[in-house]
Full PDB file with SEQRES, HELIX, SHEET, SSBOND, CRYST1, ORIGX, SCALE, CONECT and MASTER records, all heavy atoms in Angstrom:
SEQRES   1 A   40  LEU SER CYS ALA ALA SER GLY PRO THR PHE LYS ASP TYR          
SEQRES   2 A   40  ASN MET GLY TRP PHE ARG GLN ALA VAL GLY LYS GLU ARG          
SEQRES   3 A   40  GLU PHE VAL ALA ALA VAL ASP TRP SER GLY PHE GLY THR          
SEQRES   4 A   40  TYR                                                          
HELIX    1 AA1 PHE A   10  ASP A   12  5                                   3    
SHEET    1 AA1 2 MET A  15  ARG A  19  0                                        
SHEET    2 AA1 2 GLU A  27  VAL A  32 -1                                        
CRYST1    1.000    1.000    1.000  90.00  90.00  90.00 P 1           1          
ORIGX1      1.000000  0.000000  0.000000        0.00000                         
ORIGX2      0.000000  1.000000  0.000000        0.00000                         
ORIGX3      0.000000  0.000000  1.000000        0.00000                         
SCALE1      1.000000  0.000000  0.000000        0.00000                         
SCALE2      0.000000  1.000000  0.000000        0.00000                         
SCALE3      0.000000  0.000000  1.000000        0.00000                         
ATOM      1  N   LEU A   1       2.405  -0.358  11.531  1.00  0.00           N  
ATOM      2  CA  LEU A   1       1.535   0.648  10.938  1.00  0.00           C  
ATOM      3  C   LEU A   1       0.264  -0.020  10.421  1.00  0.00           C  
ATOM      4  O   LEU A   1       0.290  -1.168   9.978  1.00  0.00           O  
ATOM      5  CB  LEU A   1       2.234   1.352   9.780  1.00  0.00           C  
ATOM      6  CG  LEU A   1       3.586   1.999  10.069  1.00  0.00           C  
ATOM      7  CD1 LEU A   1       4.099   2.700   8.814  1.00  0.00           C  
ATOM      8  CD2 LEU A   1       3.496   2.956  11.226  1.00  0.00           C  
ATOM      9  N   SER A   2      -0.826   0.716  10.478  1.00  0.00           N  
ATOM     10  CA  SER A   2      -2.087   0.231   9.929  1.00  0.00           C  
ATOM     11  C   SER A   2      -2.645   1.257   8.955  1.00  0.00           C  
ATOM     12  O   SER A   2      -2.416   2.457   9.106  1.00  0.00           O  
ATOM     13  CB  SER A   2      -3.104  -0.018  11.036  1.00  0.00           C  
ATOM     14  OG  SER A   2      -2.702  -1.089  11.852  1.00  0.00           O  
ATOM     15  N   CYS A   3      -3.386   0.760   7.998  1.00  0.00           N  
ATOM     16  CA  CYS A   3      -4.046   1.622   7.016  1.00  0.00           C  
ATOM     17  C   CYS A   3      -5.495   1.143   6.913  1.00  0.00           C  
ATOM     18  O   CYS A   3      -5.752   0.032   6.437  1.00  0.00           O  
ATOM     19  CB  CYS A   3      -3.346   1.528   5.677  1.00  0.00           C  
ATOM     20  SG  CYS A   3      -4.182   2.405   4.342  1.00  0.00           S  
ATOM     21  N   ALA A   4      -6.401   1.972   7.381  1.00  0.00           N  
ATOM     22  CA  ALA A   4      -7.825   1.634   7.329  1.00  0.00           C  
ATOM     23  C   ALA A   4      -8.418   2.149   6.031  1.00  0.00           C  
ATOM     24  O   ALA A   4      -8.233   3.316   5.678  1.00  0.00           O  
ATOM     25  CB  ALA A   4      -8.542   2.251   8.517  1.00  0.00           C  
ATOM     26  N   ALA A   5      -9.130   1.287   5.348  1.00  0.00           N  
ATOM     27  CA  ALA A   5      -9.728   1.651   4.064  1.00  0.00           C  
ATOM     28  C   ALA A   5     -11.241   1.710   4.180  1.00  0.00           C  
ATOM     29  O   ALA A   5     -11.852   0.911   4.886  1.00  0.00           O  
ATOM     30  CB  ALA A   5      -9.338   0.644   2.993  1.00  0.00           C  
ATOM     31  N   SER A   6     -11.825   2.642   3.491  1.00  0.00           N  
ATOM     32  CA  SER A   6     -13.274   2.727   3.426  1.00  0.00           C  
ATOM     33  C   SER A   6     -13.686   2.822   1.974  1.00  0.00           C  
ATOM     34  O   SER A   6     -12.928   3.294   1.131  1.00  0.00           O  
ATOM     35  CB  SER A   6     -13.784   3.947   4.189  1.00  0.00           C  
ATOM     36  OG  SER A   6     -13.245   5.135   3.655  1.00  0.00           O  
ATOM     37  N   GLY A   7     -14.874   2.355   1.663  1.00  0.00           N  
ATOM     38  CA  GLY A   7     -15.347   2.373   0.287  1.00  0.00           C  
ATOM     39  C   GLY A   7     -15.725   0.986  -0.152  1.00  0.00           C  
ATOM     40  O   GLY A   7     -15.135  -0.008   0.283  1.00  0.00           O  
ATOM     41  N   PRO A   8     -16.695   0.888  -1.009  1.00  0.00           N  
ATOM     42  CA  PRO A   8     -17.247  -0.415  -1.374  1.00  0.00           C  
ATOM     43  C   PRO A   8     -16.339  -1.284  -2.228  1.00  0.00           C  
ATOM     44  O   PRO A   8     -16.558  -2.478  -2.327  1.00  0.00           O  
ATOM     45  CB  PRO A   8     -18.517  -0.031  -2.145  1.00  0.00           C  
ATOM     46  CG  PRO A   8     -18.235   1.321  -2.696  1.00  0.00           C  
ATOM     47  CD  PRO A   8     -17.376   2.000  -1.652  1.00  0.00           C  
ATOM     48  N   THR A   9     -15.309  -0.697  -2.868  1.00  0.00           N  
ATOM     49  CA  THR A   9     -14.487  -1.473  -3.793  1.00  0.00           C  
ATOM     50  C   THR A   9     -13.111  -1.786  -3.249  1.00  0.00           C  
ATOM     51  O   THR A   9     -12.200  -2.126  -3.994  1.00  0.00           O  
ATOM     52  CB  THR A   9     -14.344  -0.728  -5.126  1.00  0.00           C  
ATOM     53  OG1 THR A   9     -13.744   0.556  -4.874  1.00  0.00           O  
ATOM     54  CG2 THR A   9     -15.685  -0.553  -5.807  1.00  0.00           C  
ATOM     55  N   PHE A  10     -12.919  -1.676  -1.948  1.00  0.00           N  
ATOM     56  CA  PHE A  10     -11.603  -1.932  -1.365  1.00  0.00           C  
ATOM     57  C   PHE A  10     -11.058  -3.282  -1.775  1.00  0.00           C  
ATOM     58  O   PHE A  10      -9.868  -3.432  -2.042  1.00  0.00           O  
ATOM     59  CB  PHE A  10     -11.675  -1.821   0.160  1.00  0.00           C  
ATOM     60  CG  PHE A  10     -10.437  -2.325   0.852  1.00  0.00           C  
ATOM     61  CD1 PHE A  10      -9.289  -1.559   0.863  1.00  0.00           C  
ATOM     62  CD2 PHE A  10     -10.418  -3.561   1.471  1.00  0.00           C  
ATOM     63  CE1 PHE A  10      -8.137  -2.023   1.497  1.00  0.00           C  
ATOM     64  CE2 PHE A  10      -9.277  -4.027   2.108  1.00  0.00           C  
ATOM     65  CZ  PHE A  10      -8.132  -3.254   2.118  1.00  0.00           C  
ATOM     66  N   LYS A  11     -11.900  -4.299  -1.829  1.00  0.00           N  
ATOM     67  CA  LYS A  11     -11.432  -5.657  -2.104  1.00  0.00           C  
ATOM     68  C   LYS A  11     -10.808  -5.784  -3.493  1.00  0.00           C  
ATOM     69  O   LYS A  11     -10.097  -6.732  -3.760  1.00  0.00           O  
ATOM     70  CB  LYS A  11     -12.584  -6.651  -1.970  1.00  0.00           C  
ATOM     71  CG  LYS A  11     -13.734  -6.412  -2.956  1.00  0.00           C  
ATOM     72  CD  LYS A  11     -14.821  -7.449  -2.756  1.00  0.00           C  
ATOM     73  CE  LYS A  11     -15.987  -7.203  -3.710  1.00  0.00           C  
ATOM     74  NZ  LYS A  11     -15.588  -7.283  -5.120  1.00  0.00           N  
ATOM     75  N   ASP A  12     -11.054  -4.838  -4.364  1.00  0.00           N  
ATOM     76  CA  ASP A  12     -10.522  -4.899  -5.718  1.00  0.00           C  
ATOM     77  C   ASP A  12      -9.160  -4.226  -5.864  1.00  0.00           C  
ATOM     78  O   ASP A  12      -8.530  -4.325  -6.920  1.00  0.00           O  
ATOM     79  CB  ASP A  12     -11.490  -4.221  -6.686  1.00  0.00           C  
ATOM     80  CG  ASP A  12     -12.849  -4.915  -6.712  1.00  0.00           C  
ATOM     81  OD1 ASP A  12     -12.879  -6.151  -6.569  1.00  0.00           O  
ATOM     82  OD2 ASP A  12     -13.857  -4.205  -6.865  1.00  0.00           O  
ATOM     83  N   TYR A  13      -8.708  -3.528  -4.833  1.00  0.00           N  
ATOM     84  CA  TYR A  13      -7.487  -2.735  -4.925  1.00  0.00           C  
ATOM     85  C   TYR A  13      -6.260  -3.508  -4.449  1.00  0.00           C  
ATOM     86  O   TYR A  13      -6.304  -4.237  -3.458  1.00  0.00           O  
ATOM     87  CB  TYR A  13      -7.602  -1.473  -4.070  1.00  0.00           C  
ATOM     88  CG  TYR A  13      -8.407  -0.364  -4.693  1.00  0.00           C  
ATOM     89  CD1 TYR A  13      -9.775  -0.252  -4.465  1.00  0.00           C  
ATOM     90  CD2 TYR A  13      -7.796   0.592  -5.490  1.00  0.00           C  
ATOM     91  CE1 TYR A  13     -10.517   0.778  -5.023  1.00  0.00           C  
ATOM     92  CE2 TYR A  13      -8.530   1.633  -6.044  1.00  0.00           C  
ATOM     93  CZ  TYR A  13      -9.885   1.715  -5.814  1.00  0.00           C  
ATOM     94  OH  TYR A  13     -10.609   2.736  -6.370  1.00  0.00           O  
ATOM     95  N   ASN A  14      -5.168  -3.319  -5.164  1.00  0.00           N  
ATOM     96  CA  ASN A  14      -3.857  -3.679  -4.646  1.00  0.00           C  
ATOM     97  C   ASN A  14      -3.427  -2.543  -3.712  1.00  0.00           C  
ATOM     98  O   ASN A  14      -3.729  -1.373  -3.966  1.00  0.00           O  
ATOM     99  CB  ASN A  14      -2.847  -3.811  -5.787  1.00  0.00           C  
ATOM    100  CG  ASN A  14      -3.319  -4.795  -6.838  1.00  0.00           C  
ATOM    101  OD1 ASN A  14      -3.503  -5.965  -6.563  1.00  0.00           O  
ATOM    102  ND2 ASN A  14      -3.524  -4.304  -8.067  1.00  0.00           N  
ATOM    103  N   MET A  15      -2.733  -2.884  -2.633  1.00  0.00           N  
ATOM    104  CA  MET A  15      -2.414  -1.879  -1.617  1.00  0.00           C  
ATOM    105  C   MET A  15      -0.912  -1.845  -1.365  1.00  0.00           C  
ATOM    106  O   MET A  15      -0.251  -2.889  -1.436  1.00  0.00           O  
ATOM    107  CB  MET A  15      -3.128  -2.218  -0.300  1.00  0.00           C  
ATOM    108  CG  MET A  15      -4.617  -2.426  -0.424  1.00  0.00           C  
ATOM    109  SD  MET A  15      -5.500  -0.893  -0.689  1.00  0.00           S  
ATOM    110  CE  MET A  15      -5.179  -0.059   0.861  1.00  0.00           C  
ATOM    111  N   GLY A  16      -0.425  -0.672  -1.024  1.00  0.00           N  
ATOM    112  CA  GLY A  16       1.003  -0.588  -0.783  1.00  0.00           C  
ATOM    113  C   GLY A  16       1.375   0.474   0.232  1.00  0.00           C  
ATOM    114  O   GLY A  16       0.554   1.310   0.616  1.00  0.00           O  
ATOM    115  N   TRP A  17       2.626   0.419   0.663  1.00  0.00           N  
ATOM    116  CA  TRP A  17       3.214   1.411   1.556  1.00  0.00           C  
ATOM    117  C   TRP A  17       4.374   2.090   0.848  1.00  0.00           C  
ATOM    118  O   TRP A  17       5.171   1.431   0.160  1.00  0.00           O  
ATOM    119  CB  TRP A  17       3.722   0.766   2.841  1.00  0.00           C  
ATOM    120  CG  TRP A  17       2.640   0.326   3.759  1.00  0.00           C  
ATOM    121  CD1 TRP A  17       2.103  -0.915   3.863  1.00  0.00           C  
ATOM    122  CD2 TRP A  17       1.957   1.133   4.734  1.00  0.00           C  
ATOM    123  NE1 TRP A  17       1.125  -0.928   4.828  1.00  0.00           N  
ATOM    124  CE2 TRP A  17       1.016   0.311   5.371  1.00  0.00           C  
ATOM    125  CE3 TRP A  17       2.047   2.472   5.125  1.00  0.00           C  
ATOM    126  CZ2 TRP A  17       0.173   0.782   6.381  1.00  0.00           C  
ATOM    127  CZ3 TRP A  17       1.220   2.941   6.123  1.00  0.00           C  
ATOM    128  CH2 TRP A  17       0.294   2.101   6.737  1.00  0.00           C  
ATOM    129  N   PHE A  18       4.459   3.376   1.048  1.00  0.00           N  
ATOM    130  CA  PHE A  18       5.536   4.192   0.519  1.00  0.00           C  
ATOM    131  C   PHE A  18       6.062   5.067   1.651  1.00  0.00           C  
ATOM    132  O   PHE A  18       5.400   5.206   2.679  1.00  0.00           O  
ATOM    133  CB  PHE A  18       5.023   5.073  -0.627  1.00  0.00           C  
ATOM    134  CG  PHE A  18       4.504   4.286  -1.798  1.00  0.00           C  
ATOM    135  CD1 PHE A  18       3.257   3.687  -1.765  1.00  0.00           C  
ATOM    136  CD2 PHE A  18       5.284   4.133  -2.941  1.00  0.00           C  
ATOM    137  CE1 PHE A  18       2.774   2.944  -2.837  1.00  0.00           C  
ATOM    138  CE2 PHE A  18       4.821   3.398  -4.022  1.00  0.00           C  
ATOM    139  CZ  PHE A  18       3.573   2.805  -3.962  1.00  0.00           C  
ATOM    140  N   ARG A  19       7.230   5.636   1.476  1.00  0.00           N  
ATOM    141  CA  ARG A  19       7.761   6.530   2.495  1.00  0.00           C  
ATOM    142  C   ARG A  19       8.540   7.653   1.848  1.00  0.00           C  
ATOM    143  O   ARG A  19       9.056   7.516   0.738  1.00  0.00           O  
ATOM    144  CB  ARG A  19       8.641   5.765   3.482  1.00  0.00           C  
ATOM    145  CG  ARG A  19       9.914   5.195   2.890  1.00  0.00           C  
ATOM    146  CD  ARG A  19      10.621   4.325   3.920  1.00  0.00           C  
ATOM    147  NE  ARG A  19      11.884   3.793   3.416  1.00  0.00           N  
ATOM    148  CZ  ARG A  19      12.631   2.911   4.063  1.00  0.00           C  
ATOM    149  NH1 ARG A  19      12.241   2.439   5.263  1.00  0.00           N  
ATOM    150  NH2 ARG A  19      13.767   2.481   3.545  1.00  0.00           N  
ATOM    151  N   GLN A  20       8.605   8.754   2.583  1.00  0.00           N  
ATOM    152  CA  GLN A  20       9.367   9.906   2.116  1.00  0.00           C  
ATOM    153  C   GLN A  20      10.098  10.525   3.292  1.00  0.00           C  
ATOM    154  O   GLN A  20       9.466  10.985   4.254  1.00  0.00           O  
ATOM    155  CB  GLN A  20       8.463  10.932   1.441  1.00  0.00           C  
ATOM    156  CG  GLN A  20       9.218  12.058   0.779  1.00  0.00           C  
ATOM    157  CD  GLN A  20       8.358  12.871  -0.162  1.00  0.00           C  
ATOM    158  OE1 GLN A  20       7.124  12.817  -0.112  1.00  0.00           O  
ATOM    159  NE2 GLN A  20       8.985  13.629  -1.045  1.00  0.00           N  
ATOM    160  N   ALA A  21      11.408  10.520   3.200  1.00  0.00           N  
ATOM    161  CA  ALA A  21      12.235  11.161   4.218  1.00  0.00           C  
ATOM    162  C   ALA A  21      12.458  12.617   3.847  1.00  0.00           C  
ATOM    163  O   ALA A  21      12.327  12.996   2.676  1.00  0.00           O  
ATOM    164  CB  ALA A  21      13.565  10.430   4.343  1.00  0.00           C  
ATOM    165  N   VAL A  22      12.828  13.407   4.824  1.00  0.00           N  
ATOM    166  CA  VAL A  22      13.065  14.831   4.584  1.00  0.00           C  
ATOM    167  C   VAL A  22      14.169  15.003   3.550  1.00  0.00           C  
ATOM    168  O   VAL A  22      15.237  14.393   3.659  1.00  0.00           O  
ATOM    169  CB  VAL A  22      13.441  15.539   5.899  1.00  0.00           C  
ATOM    170  CG1 VAL A  22      13.833  16.979   5.634  1.00  0.00           C  
ATOM    171  CG2 VAL A  22      12.270  15.477   6.881  1.00  0.00           C  
ATOM    172  N   GLY A  23      13.884  15.784   2.532  1.00  0.00           N  
ATOM    173  CA  GLY A  23      14.876  16.067   1.512  1.00  0.00           C  
ATOM    174  C   GLY A  23      15.063  14.978   0.480  1.00  0.00           C  
ATOM    175  O   GLY A  23      15.959  15.073  -0.371  1.00  0.00           O  
ATOM    176  N   LYS A  24      14.220  13.930   0.529  1.00  0.00           N  
ATOM    177  CA  LYS A  24      14.362  12.825  -0.417  1.00  0.00           C  
ATOM    178  C   LYS A  24      13.061  12.607  -1.188  1.00  0.00           C  
ATOM    179  O   LYS A  24      11.993  13.078  -0.784  1.00  0.00           O  
ATOM    180  CB  LYS A  24      14.756  11.545   0.315  1.00  0.00           C  
ATOM    181  CG  LYS A  24      16.127  11.605   0.948  1.00  0.00           C  
ATOM    182  CD  LYS A  24      16.553  10.249   1.466  1.00  0.00           C  
ATOM    183  CE  LYS A  24      17.956  10.291   2.022  1.00  0.00           C  
ATOM    184  NZ  LYS A  24      18.406   8.958   2.515  1.00  0.00           N  
ATOM    185  N   GLU A  25      13.172  11.870  -2.280  1.00  0.00           N  
ATOM    186  CA  GLU A  25      11.999  11.521  -3.064  1.00  0.00           C  
ATOM    187  C   GLU A  25      11.199  10.421  -2.356  1.00  0.00           C  
ATOM    188  O   GLU A  25      11.738   9.649  -1.571  1.00  0.00           O  
ATOM    189  CB  GLU A  25      12.430  11.012  -4.451  1.00  0.00           C  
ATOM    190  CG  GLU A  25      13.186  12.021  -5.296  1.00  0.00           C  
ATOM    191  CD  GLU A  25      12.291  13.164  -5.740  1.00  0.00           C  
ATOM    192  OE1 GLU A  25      11.119  12.904  -6.079  1.00  0.00           O  
ATOM    193  OE2 GLU A  25      12.763  14.314  -5.726  1.00  0.00           O  
ATOM    194  N   ARG A  26       9.907  10.377  -2.661  1.00  0.00           N  
ATOM    195  CA  ARG A  26       9.083   9.308  -2.137  1.00  0.00           C  
ATOM    196  C   ARG A  26       9.547   7.982  -2.730  1.00  0.00           C  
ATOM    197  O   ARG A  26       9.877   7.911  -3.921  1.00  0.00           O  
ATOM    198  CB  ARG A  26       7.616   9.548  -2.479  1.00  0.00           C  
ATOM    199  CG  ARG A  26       6.652   8.600  -1.791  1.00  0.00           C  
ATOM    200  CD  ARG A  26       5.218   9.029  -1.974  1.00  0.00           C  
ATOM    201  NE  ARG A  26       4.961  10.331  -1.356  1.00  0.00           N  
ATOM    202  CZ  ARG A  26       3.753  10.873  -1.228  1.00  0.00           C  
ATOM    203  NH1 ARG A  26       2.695  10.223  -1.693  1.00  0.00           N  
ATOM    204  NH2 ARG A  26       3.605  12.054  -0.670  1.00  0.00           N  
ATOM    205  N   GLU A  27       9.581   6.921  -1.923  1.00  0.00           N  
ATOM    206  CA  GLU A  27      10.036   5.630  -2.410  1.00  0.00           C  
ATOM    207  C   GLU A  27       9.068   4.521  -2.024  1.00  0.00           C  
ATOM    208  O   GLU A  27       8.384   4.599  -1.001  1.00  0.00           O  
ATOM    209  CB  GLU A  27      11.437   5.299  -1.874  1.00  0.00           C  
ATOM    210  CG  GLU A  27      11.523   5.146  -0.377  1.00  0.00           C  
ATOM    211  CD  GLU A  27      12.918   4.732   0.083  1.00  0.00           C  
ATOM    212  OE1 GLU A  27      13.829   4.577  -0.750  1.00  0.00           O  
ATOM    213  OE2 GLU A  27      13.084   4.534   1.307  1.00  0.00           O  
ATOM    214  N   PHE A  28       9.051   3.494  -2.837  1.00  0.00           N  
ATOM    215  CA  PHE A  28       8.223   2.320  -2.602  1.00  0.00           C  
ATOM    216  C   PHE A  28       8.804   1.519  -1.440  1.00  0.00           C  
ATOM    217  O   PHE A  28      10.014   1.388  -1.292  1.00  0.00           O  
ATOM    218  CB  PHE A  28       8.188   1.467  -3.867  1.00  0.00           C  
ATOM    219  CG  PHE A  28       7.595   0.100  -3.671  1.00  0.00           C  
ATOM    220  CD1 PHE A  28       6.233  -0.081  -3.639  1.00  0.00           C  
ATOM    221  CD2 PHE A  28       8.424  -0.988  -3.506  1.00  0.00           C  
ATOM    222  CE1 PHE A  28       5.687  -1.337  -3.447  1.00  0.00           C  
ATOM    223  CE2 PHE A  28       7.891  -2.260  -3.315  1.00  0.00           C  
ATOM    224  CZ  PHE A  28       6.521  -2.430  -3.286  1.00  0.00           C  
ATOM    225  N   VAL A  29       7.903   0.941  -0.602  1.00  0.00           N  
ATOM    226  CA  VAL A  29       8.336   0.114   0.523  1.00  0.00           C  
ATOM    227  C   VAL A  29       7.853  -1.327   0.358  1.00  0.00           C  
ATOM    228  O   VAL A  29       8.640  -2.264   0.356  1.00  0.00           O  
ATOM    229  CB  VAL A  29       7.828   0.691   1.855  1.00  0.00           C  
ATOM    230  CG1 VAL A  29       8.190  -0.230   3.008  1.00  0.00           C  
ATOM    231  CG2 VAL A  29       8.395   2.084   2.093  1.00  0.00           C  
ATOM    232  N   ALA A  30       6.535  -1.510   0.246  1.00  0.00           N  
ATOM    233  CA  ALA A  30       5.975  -2.858   0.172  1.00  0.00           C  
ATOM    234  C   ALA A  30       4.578  -2.795  -0.415  1.00  0.00           C  
ATOM    235  O   ALA A  30       3.917  -1.758  -0.335  1.00  0.00           O  
ATOM    236  CB  ALA A  30       5.922  -3.492   1.561  1.00  0.00           C  
ATOM    237  N   ALA A  31       4.138  -3.917  -1.001  1.00  0.00           N  
ATOM    238  CA  ALA A  31       2.798  -3.973  -1.582  1.00  0.00           C  
ATOM    239  C   ALA A  31       2.205  -5.364  -1.415  1.00  0.00           C  
ATOM    240  O   ALA A  31       2.931  -6.361  -1.327  1.00  0.00           O  
ATOM    241  CB  ALA A  31       2.836  -3.592  -3.062  1.00  0.00           C  
ATOM    242  N   VAL A  32       0.880  -5.415  -1.375  1.00  0.00           N  
ATOM    243  CA  VAL A  32       0.142  -6.672  -1.324  1.00  0.00           C  
ATOM    244  C   VAL A  32      -0.975  -6.602  -2.351  1.00  0.00           C  
ATOM    245  O   VAL A  32      -1.624  -5.561  -2.498  1.00  0.00           O  
ATOM    246  CB  VAL A  32      -0.399  -6.934   0.097  1.00  0.00           C  
ATOM    247  CG1 VAL A  32      -1.309  -5.822   0.593  1.00  0.00           C  
ATOM    248  CG2 VAL A  32      -1.106  -8.288   0.176  1.00  0.00           C  
ATOM    249  N   ASP A  33      -1.195  -7.692  -3.073  1.00  0.00           N  
ATOM    250  CA  ASP A  33      -2.195  -7.632  -4.128  1.00  0.00           C  
ATOM    251  C   ASP A  33      -3.603  -7.791  -3.554  1.00  0.00           C  
ATOM    252  O   ASP A  33      -3.793  -7.991  -2.353  1.00  0.00           O  
ATOM    253  CB  ASP A  33      -1.904  -8.660  -5.220  1.00  0.00           C  
ATOM    254  CG  ASP A  33      -2.154 -10.101  -4.794  1.00  0.00           C  
ATOM    255  OD1 ASP A  33      -2.657 -10.343  -3.680  1.00  0.00           O  
ATOM    256  OD2 ASP A  33      -1.825 -10.997  -5.586  1.00  0.00           O  
ATOM    257  N   TRP A  34      -4.588  -7.698  -4.413  1.00  0.00           N  
ATOM    258  CA  TRP A  34      -5.986  -7.701  -3.983  1.00  0.00           C  
ATOM    259  C   TRP A  34      -6.357  -8.982  -3.242  1.00  0.00           C  
ATOM    260  O   TRP A  34      -7.230  -8.957  -2.380  1.00  0.00           O  
ATOM    261  CB  TRP A  34      -6.909  -7.507  -5.200  1.00  0.00           C  
ATOM    262  CG  TRP A  34      -6.815  -8.654  -6.182  1.00  0.00           C  
ATOM    263  CD1 TRP A  34      -5.955  -8.769  -7.220  1.00  0.00           C  
ATOM    264  CD2 TRP A  34      -7.583  -9.855  -6.171  1.00  0.00           C  
ATOM    265  NE1 TRP A  34      -6.138  -9.962  -7.868  1.00  0.00           N  
ATOM    266  CE2 TRP A  34      -7.141 -10.655  -7.246  1.00  0.00           C  
ATOM    267  CE3 TRP A  34      -8.620 -10.333  -5.358  1.00  0.00           C  
ATOM    268  CZ2 TRP A  34      -7.688 -11.887  -7.531  1.00  0.00           C  
ATOM    269  CZ3 TRP A  34      -9.172 -11.573  -5.640  1.00  0.00           C  
ATOM    270  CH2 TRP A  34      -8.707 -12.341  -6.719  1.00  0.00           C  
ATOM    271  N   SER A  35      -5.681 -10.110  -3.551  1.00  0.00           N  
ATOM    272  CA  SER A  35      -6.022 -11.382  -2.923  1.00  0.00           C  
ATOM    273  C   SER A  35      -5.401 -11.533  -1.537  1.00  0.00           C  
ATOM    274  O   SER A  35      -5.842 -12.356  -0.739  1.00  0.00           O  
ATOM    275  CB  SER A  35      -5.558 -12.539  -3.802  1.00  0.00           C  
ATOM    276  OG  SER A  35      -4.141 -12.668  -3.746  1.00  0.00           O  
ATOM    277  N   GLY A  36      -4.350 -10.777  -1.299  1.00  0.00           N  
ATOM    278  CA  GLY A  36      -3.609 -10.921  -0.054  1.00  0.00           C  
ATOM    279  C   GLY A  36      -2.494 -11.935  -0.121  1.00  0.00           C  
ATOM    280  O   GLY A  36      -1.691 -12.037   0.812  1.00  0.00           O  
ATOM    281  N   PHE A  37      -2.382 -12.656  -1.208  1.00  0.00           N  
ATOM    282  CA  PHE A  37      -1.375 -13.713  -1.304  1.00  0.00           C  
ATOM    283  C   PHE A  37      -0.097 -13.246  -2.013  1.00  0.00           C  
ATOM    284  O   PHE A  37       0.955 -13.828  -1.832  1.00  0.00           O  
ATOM    285  CB  PHE A  37      -1.957 -14.925  -2.033  1.00  0.00           C  
ATOM    286  CG  PHE A  37      -3.022 -15.630  -1.251  1.00  0.00           C  
ATOM    287  CD1 PHE A  37      -4.356 -15.486  -1.582  1.00  0.00           C  
ATOM    288  CD2 PHE A  37      -2.683 -16.419  -0.163  1.00  0.00           C  
ATOM    289  CE1 PHE A  37      -5.345 -16.133  -0.845  1.00  0.00           C  
ATOM    290  CE2 PHE A  37      -3.670 -17.067   0.573  1.00  0.00           C  
ATOM    291  CZ  PHE A  37      -5.002 -16.921   0.230  1.00  0.00           C  
ATOM    292  N   GLY A  38      -0.200 -12.224  -2.823  1.00  0.00           N  
ATOM    293  CA  GLY A  38       0.968 -11.721  -3.529  1.00  0.00           C  
ATOM    294  C   GLY A  38       1.550 -10.527  -2.823  1.00  0.00           C  
ATOM    295  O   GLY A  38       0.833  -9.562  -2.527  1.00  0.00           O  
ATOM    296  N   THR A  39       2.853 -10.559  -2.537  1.00  0.00           N  
ATOM    297  CA  THR A  39       3.518  -9.440  -1.886  1.00  0.00           C  
ATOM    298  C   THR A  39       4.808  -9.108  -2.610  1.00  0.00           C  
ATOM    299  O   THR A  39       5.369  -9.939  -3.340  1.00  0.00           O  
ATOM    300  CB  THR A  39       3.844  -9.746  -0.412  1.00  0.00           C  
ATOM    301  OG1 THR A  39       4.674 -10.915  -0.342  1.00  0.00           O  
ATOM    302  CG2 THR A  39       2.586  -9.971   0.397  1.00  0.00           C  
ATOM    303  N   TYR A  40       5.275  -7.892  -2.377  1.00  0.00           N  
ATOM    304  CA  TYR A  40       6.510  -7.429  -3.019  1.00  0.00           C  
ATOM    305  C   TYR A  40       7.132  -6.389  -2.111  1.00  0.00           C  
ATOM    306  O   TYR A  40       6.422  -5.561  -1.524  1.00  0.00           O  
ATOM    307  CB  TYR A  40       6.195  -6.843  -4.392  1.00  0.00           C  
ATOM    308  CG  TYR A  40       7.392  -6.399  -5.182  1.00  0.00           C  
ATOM    309  CD1 TYR A  40       8.307  -7.326  -5.676  1.00  0.00           C  
ATOM    310  CD2 TYR A  40       7.620  -5.051  -5.441  1.00  0.00           C  
ATOM    311  CE1 TYR A  40       9.411  -6.915  -6.404  1.00  0.00           C  
ATOM    312  CE2 TYR A  40       8.713  -4.641  -6.187  1.00  0.00           C  
ATOM    313  CZ  TYR A  40       9.605  -5.574  -6.658  1.00  0.00           C  
ATOM    314  OH  TYR A  40      10.696  -5.173  -7.382  1.00  0.00           O  
TER     315      TYR A  40                                                      
MASTER        0    0    0    1    2    0    0    6  314    1    0    4          
END                                                                             
């Protein structure tokens, strides 16, 4: 999957992926910090 970002302050944002299955709550999947070196 890819996520394209637009806007002048993208480099300052931590970014993440979430998912929601039918009939379930949205859940956290993965995240990367603004530097690109920190992941969870």
